[in-house]
Protein backbone atom coordinates (compact mmCIF):
# COMPACT_ATOMS: atom_id res chain seq x y z
CA MET A 1 -5.92 19.19 -14.15
CA GLY A 2 -6.57 18.63 -10.42
CA VAL A 3 -3.14 17.29 -9.85
CA LYS A 4 -1.56 18.88 -6.28
CA THR A 5 1.54 16.83 -6.12
CA SER A 6 3.61 14.38 -7.97
CA SER A 7 2.48 11.95 -5.43
CA GLN A 8 -1.16 12.42 -6.31
CA ALA A 9 -0.42 11.74 -10.03
CA ALA A 10 1.46 8.75 -9.33
CA PHE A 11 -1.37 7.50 -7.12
CA ALA A 12 -3.76 8.30 -9.79
CA ALA A 13 -1.53 6.50 -12.73
CA LEU A 14 -1.38 3.50 -10.11
CA PHE A 15 -4.96 2.96 -10.02
CA ILE A 16 -5.62 3.75 -13.83
CA GLY A 17 -2.99 0.75 -14.32
CA LEU A 18 -4.68 -1.74 -11.86
CA GLY A 19 -8.02 -0.95 -13.09
CA ILE A 20 -6.79 -1.72 -16.80
CA GLN A 21 -4.61 -4.61 -15.28
CA GLY A 22 -8.33 -6.17 -13.83
CA LEU A 23 -10.36 -5.62 -17.04
CA ILE A 24 -7.77 -7.66 -18.88
CA THR A 25 -6.87 -10.45 -16.27
CA ARG A 26 -10.65 -10.62 -14.91
CA ASP A 27 -9.23 -11.15 -11.74
CA PHE A 28 -8.36 -8.78 -8.39
CA THR A 29 -5.46 -7.08 -8.99
CA THR A 30 -3.11 -6.27 -5.99
CA VAL A 31 -4.91 -3.58 -3.71
CA TRP A 32 -8.10 -5.93 -3.70
CA GLN A 33 -6.51 -9.09 -3.05
CA PRO A 34 -6.96 -11.65 -1.60
CA VAL A 35 -10.42 -12.45 -1.60
CA PRO A 36 -11.81 -15.78 -0.96
CA ARG A 37 -12.50 -17.73 -3.93
CA THR A 38 -15.93 -19.00 -2.27
CA ALA A 39 -16.94 -14.88 -1.78
CA PRO A 40 -20.28 -14.41 -3.05
CA LEU A 41 -20.70 -12.55 -6.41
CA ARG A 42 -17.14 -12.43 -6.77
CA GLU A 43 -16.88 -12.15 -10.60
CA VAL A 44 -19.08 -8.82 -10.14
CA LEU A 45 -16.56 -7.48 -7.49
CA VAL A 46 -13.80 -8.20 -10.08
CA TYR A 47 -15.34 -5.93 -12.49
CA ALA A 48 -16.53 -3.51 -9.64
CA CYS A 49 -13.04 -3.27 -8.35
CA ALA A 50 -11.61 -2.82 -11.70
CA LEU A 51 -13.82 0.04 -12.85
CA LEU A 52 -13.75 1.68 -9.76
CA SER A 53 -10.12 1.63 -9.80
CA LEU A 54 -9.76 3.19 -13.22
CA THR A 55 -12.62 5.60 -13.01
CA ALA A 56 -11.17 7.04 -9.62
CA GLY A 57 -7.54 7.26 -11.24
CA VAL A 58 -8.79 9.05 -13.88
CA GLY A 59 -10.81 11.21 -11.61
CA LEU A 60 -8.05 12.30 -9.42
CA LEU A 61 -6.18 13.90 -12.60
CA VAL A 62 -9.30 16.25 -13.26
CA ARG A 63 -10.06 19.35 -11.14
CA ARG A 64 -13.55 18.73 -11.23
CA THR A 65 -13.62 15.20 -10.32
CA ALA A 66 -10.68 14.49 -8.03
CA ALA A 67 -12.61 15.31 -4.54
CA VAL A 68 -15.30 12.89 -5.72
CA ALA A 69 -12.76 10.28 -6.92
CA ALA A 70 -10.96 10.65 -3.92
CA ARG A 71 -13.92 10.40 -1.60
CA ALA A 72 -14.67 7.38 -3.24
CA LEU A 73 -11.83 5.41 -3.49
CA LEU A 74 -11.16 6.16 0.32
CA VAL A 75 -14.59 4.76 1.38
CA ALA A 76 -14.09 1.53 -1.07
CA LEU A 77 -10.89 1.04 0.82
CA CYS A 78 -12.81 1.22 4.29
CA VAL A 79 -15.49 -1.11 3.12
CA TRP A 80 -12.85 -3.57 1.81
CA LEU A 81 -10.91 -2.92 5.14
CA VAL A 82 -14.08 -4.19 7.28
CA VAL A 83 -15.40 -6.41 5.00
CA TRP A 84 -12.10 -8.75 3.80
CA ARG A 85 -9.42 -7.93 6.09
CA LEU A 86 -10.55 -7.90 9.91
CA ARG A 87 -11.97 -11.56 9.57
CA PRO A 88 -9.00 -13.39 8.61
CA LEU A 89 -7.09 -12.41 11.40
CA PHE A 90 -9.35 -14.81 13.79
CA THR A 91 -9.75 -17.43 10.72
CA ALA A 92 -6.44 -17.29 8.79
CA ALA A 93 -2.28 -17.70 9.52
CA LEU A 94 -1.32 -14.37 11.53
CA ILE A 95 1.37 -13.54 8.96
CA GLU A 96 -0.86 -13.64 5.96
CA SER A 97 -3.65 -12.03 7.70
CA THR A 98 -1.85 -9.27 9.19
CA TRP A 99 -0.12 -8.53 5.89
CA SER A 100 -2.91 -8.36 3.65
CA LEU A 101 -4.34 -6.11 6.69
CA ALA A 102 -1.22 -4.14 6.72
CA ASP A 103 -1.39 -3.25 2.82
CA THR A 104 -4.99 -2.28 2.80
CA LEU A 105 -4.34 -0.01 5.61
CA VAL A 106 -1.40 1.62 3.70
CA MET A 107 -3.40 1.94 0.57
CA THR A 108 -6.40 3.43 2.92
CA ALA A 109 -3.98 5.81 4.41
CA GLY A 110 -2.86 7.25 0.87
CA ALA A 111 -6.60 7.64 -0.05
CA CYS A 112 -7.67 9.34 3.04
CA VAL A 113 -4.41 11.79 2.29
CA LEU A 114 -5.85 12.75 -0.74
CA PHE A 115 -9.41 12.76 0.43
CA ALA A 116 -8.13 15.36 2.98
CA TRP A 117 -6.35 17.63 0.06
CA LEU A 118 -8.90 17.72 -1.88
CA ALA A 119 -12.27 17.24 -0.49
CA SER A 120 -12.46 18.06 3.46
CA LYS A 121 -9.60 20.61 3.65
CA ARG A 122 -9.45 19.12 7.73
CA ASP A 123 -6.28 18.29 9.68
CA ARG A 124 -7.89 15.61 11.27
CA ASP A 125 -8.22 13.68 8.41
CA LEU A 126 -4.54 14.00 7.60
CA ARG A 127 -4.17 12.86 11.33
CA ILE A 128 -6.31 9.85 10.78
CA ALA A 129 -4.22 8.76 7.65
CA ARG A 130 -1.00 8.99 9.47
CA VAL A 131 -2.37 6.62 12.30
CA LEU A 132 -3.75 4.57 9.38
CA TYR A 133 0.04 4.26 7.83
CA GLY A 134 1.69 3.88 10.96
CA LEU A 135 -0.65 1.29 12.06
CA GLY A 136 0.13 -0.42 8.85
CA MET A 137 3.90 -0.24 9.39
CA ILE A 138 3.91 -2.60 12.37
CA PRO A 139 2.52 -5.76 10.73
CA PHE A 140 5.19 -5.56 7.99
CA GLY A 141 7.84 -5.51 10.75
CA TYR A 142 6.15 -8.51 12.30
CA ALA A 143 5.81 -10.65 9.10
CA HIS A 144 10.11 -10.08 8.92
CA PHE A 145 10.35 -11.45 12.43
CA ALA A 146 7.74 -14.06 12.11
CA ASN A 147 9.32 -15.18 8.82
CA VAL A 148 13.25 -14.90 9.01
CA PRO A 149 14.07 -17.67 6.80
CA GLY A 150 11.81 -16.26 3.56
CA THR A 151 12.88 -12.90 4.04
CA ALA A 152 16.50 -13.52 4.43
CA GLY A 153 16.04 -15.71 1.25
CA LEU A 154 15.04 -12.37 -0.65
CA VAL A 155 18.01 -10.53 0.20
CA PRO A 156 20.19 -9.77 -2.80
CA HIS A 157 23.26 -12.51 -3.25
CA TRP A 158 25.45 -9.49 -3.02
CA LEU A 159 24.74 -8.26 0.42
CA PRO A 160 26.35 -9.90 3.31
CA TRP A 161 24.34 -10.85 6.56
CA HIS A 162 21.02 -11.93 4.88
CA VAL A 163 19.68 -12.50 8.53
CA GLY A 164 20.65 -9.41 9.86
CA TRP A 165 18.90 -7.68 6.97
CA ALA A 166 15.72 -9.35 7.74
CA TYR A 167 15.82 -8.40 11.23
CA PHE A 168 16.71 -4.98 10.43
CA THR A 169 14.34 -4.23 7.87
CA GLY A 170 11.47 -5.42 10.09
CA ALA A 171 13.01 -3.39 13.11
CA THR A 172 12.74 -0.24 10.81
CA PHE A 173 9.10 -0.96 9.94
CA VAL A 174 8.13 -1.58 13.40
CA ALA A 175 10.01 1.68 14.65
CA ALA A 176 8.54 3.75 11.87
CA GLY A 177 5.30 2.68 12.77
CA ILE A 178 5.76 3.84 16.26
CA ALA A 179 7.40 7.10 15.17
CA ILE A 180 4.29 7.84 13.30
CA LEU A 181 2.13 6.89 15.47
CA VAL A 182 3.46 9.06 18.52
CA GLY A 183 4.52 11.88 16.36
CA ALA A 184 8.18 11.58 17.11
CA PHE A 185 10.38 12.31 13.93
CA ALA A 186 7.25 11.01 11.91
CA ARG A 187 8.02 12.83 8.63
CA LEU A 188 11.12 11.42 8.75
CA ALA A 189 9.87 7.82 9.43
CA ALA A 190 6.97 7.96 6.69
CA ALA A 191 9.92 9.25 3.97
CA LEU A 192 12.53 6.19 5.01
CA SER A 193 9.55 3.82 5.11
CA ALA A 194 8.46 4.70 1.73
CA VAL A 195 12.02 4.71 0.60
CA GLN A 196 12.74 1.17 2.10
CA MET A 197 9.70 0.23 0.26
CA GLY A 198 10.53 1.27 -3.07
CA LEU A 199 14.56 -0.18 -2.58
CA PHE A 200 12.57 -3.55 -2.01
CA GLY A 201 11.33 -3.11 -5.30
CA LEU A 202 14.94 -2.25 -7.09
CA LEU A 203 17.05 -4.31 -5.50
CA ILE A 204 14.80 -7.58 -4.80
CA TRP A 205 12.03 -7.47 -7.42
CA VAL A 206 13.15 -6.06 -10.25
CA PRO A 207 16.32 -8.25 -10.75
CA ILE A 208 13.81 -11.28 -10.04
CA LEU A 209 11.37 -10.05 -12.88
CA MET A 210 14.44 -9.70 -15.40
CA SER A 211 16.22 -12.70 -14.50
CA GLY A 212 13.82 -14.71 -16.68
CA PRO A 213 10.30 -16.71 -16.19
CA THR A 214 8.32 -15.41 -13.17
CA ASN A 215 5.50 -16.71 -11.44
CA ALA A 216 2.02 -15.24 -10.29
CA PHE A 217 3.57 -14.49 -6.76
CA GLN A 218 6.68 -12.71 -7.70
CA ARG A 219 4.56 -10.38 -10.25
CA MET A 220 1.80 -9.68 -7.49
CA GLU A 221 4.57 -8.88 -4.88
CA PHE A 222 6.46 -6.61 -7.60
CA ALA A 223 3.03 -4.66 -8.21
CA THR A 224 2.12 -4.96 -4.45
CA THR A 225 5.72 -3.20 -3.68
CA VAL A 226 5.01 -0.55 -6.24
CA ALA A 227 1.56 0.19 -4.71
CA LEU A 228 2.72 0.65 -1.45
CA THR A 229 5.67 2.42 -2.05
CA ILE A 230 3.35 5.42 -4.22
CA ALA A 231 0.86 5.35 -1.12
CA GLY A 232 3.62 5.70 1.26
CA TRP A 233 5.10 8.26 -0.85
CA VAL A 234 1.46 10.43 -0.54
CA VAL A 235 1.70 10.11 3.25
CA ALA A 236 5.08 11.42 3.30
CA ASP A 237 3.64 14.20 1.29
CA SER A 238 1.45 14.88 3.73
CA TYR A 239 4.06 16.13 6.07
CA ARG A 240 5.35 18.87 3.75
CA GLY A 241 6.14 22.11 6.09
CA VAL A 242 5.85 20.03 9.29
CA SER A 243 9.36 19.83 11.11
CA LEU A 244 11.13 16.38 11.50
């Protein structure tokens, strides 16, 4: 096995699951969404993303192929970032476009950490990964502020001050991003941001999924939260041995 950390194993398992899901549903999964319906060769891209996810996930678990798998996944996510995430910043609604950009930045950061561990062995690549992750946190915070009613509506009913929680979580994402970018309490910020995303899944999406019939948006949001939490875990792991 080529697994160095439990977060690497979780990242690999995530992509194996996404690959299988993509082949079954014949649609883009959370890491690769959204892609315009008018995109050329869209169906080919669906299967390409599914097969890449599956093979890269399996490859990350095998010592001889782990470095190649990390490199392939990183390159694919970087291409995805440039082709499908930058243009919507100028053509789509700001909340949706920045959120999608942030999703891809965080997943690219996770892949970049694994590339640094398994292939490059260069501290520069870890620094790049952390910058990508820090940049990704800030749009998450912005989205909370820009859509306070929607965010507050997701806060569990048993918690008081729903609007306050919406502002608080938005502020913590922005603070975490800035801390990581400037290197102040970066290790703590990365760990807490991953924990916060995990808590979103446990406190918001798991109860919704268990309460009865769900729609595609709710299932996608849960899957996205899981993916982002695992990527955050990988980035937080990159600080092992680094002081707070």
